[in-house]
Amino acid sequence: MGSIFKTIRSYFATHPAGIFAWLWVVAMPILGSVIFAANYDFLEAYPLHTPLDYLAYLVIGALLMGLALLPTTLIAIASGFYYGWVSLPFLILGYSLASVLGYSLGKITNMAFTELLFKKNPGFRKAVESRKEKEGSLVFFVRISPVVPFAISNFLFASMNIKLWKVLAYGIPGMLTRTVIAFSAGVLASSFLAAKESLNSPSQWTIGAAMLIIGVGGIYNYLRKK
């Protein structure tokens, strides 16, 4: 394990773009949330009426999520509150496009990371390759878990060389539960701030805890030895 962390430190020391990208996906959603929380009411001026409106919603949403500018949960709440159920299919499609974008950026900024890690740590390579058939379940449980943010998981999957089709095929079903919960909170709320606050209710905490247990259990099943 020490050798793995040494390799990671060595990689980031010689690949500043890689460490910048990781810091970006960690910090930017937090900063974006603060900015959005102070200016959320501007969405009232942009209703969805025409096909062009929906196209703009789709593209902008995909960019905000794919570039880690806003958390997916916040976008789901805002979409539910301001646009209602009619926007849900476009939100899910936006997630798909954002997954492709985030995964691709993870690949570009961490292009040589996996190869270096495998070269320096043959045992780690063997462990990862022995779990290839379980990659789909890992993607699903990481996505359903509230612990790992969307943007970080995109980089994680790219760094692990998990195929993009698996990220989409297993990741979207995993995201649906979290998405629908946040989206529903927005639809049912009397205000955007009330929607955010509703996520702190006992029932939401119970659901969140259940998803956490399911997600952690699935990740543990992936990590444990055969």
Foldseek 3Di string as FASTA:
>chain_A
DVLLVVLVVVVCVVQVLLVVLLVCLVPQQVVLVVVCVVPVVVCLVQADDDPVSLVVVLVVLLCCLLSNNHFLLLVLLSCLQRHNPVNVVSSLVSLLSSLVSLLVVLCVSCVCVLVSSCVSCVPVVVLLVVLLVLVLLLLLLLLLAPPHTPSNVSNVCSSSVPDSVSNNVRNSVSNVVSSVQSSVLNNPDPDSVSSVVVCVDPVNVVVNVVSNVSSVVSNVVSNDDD
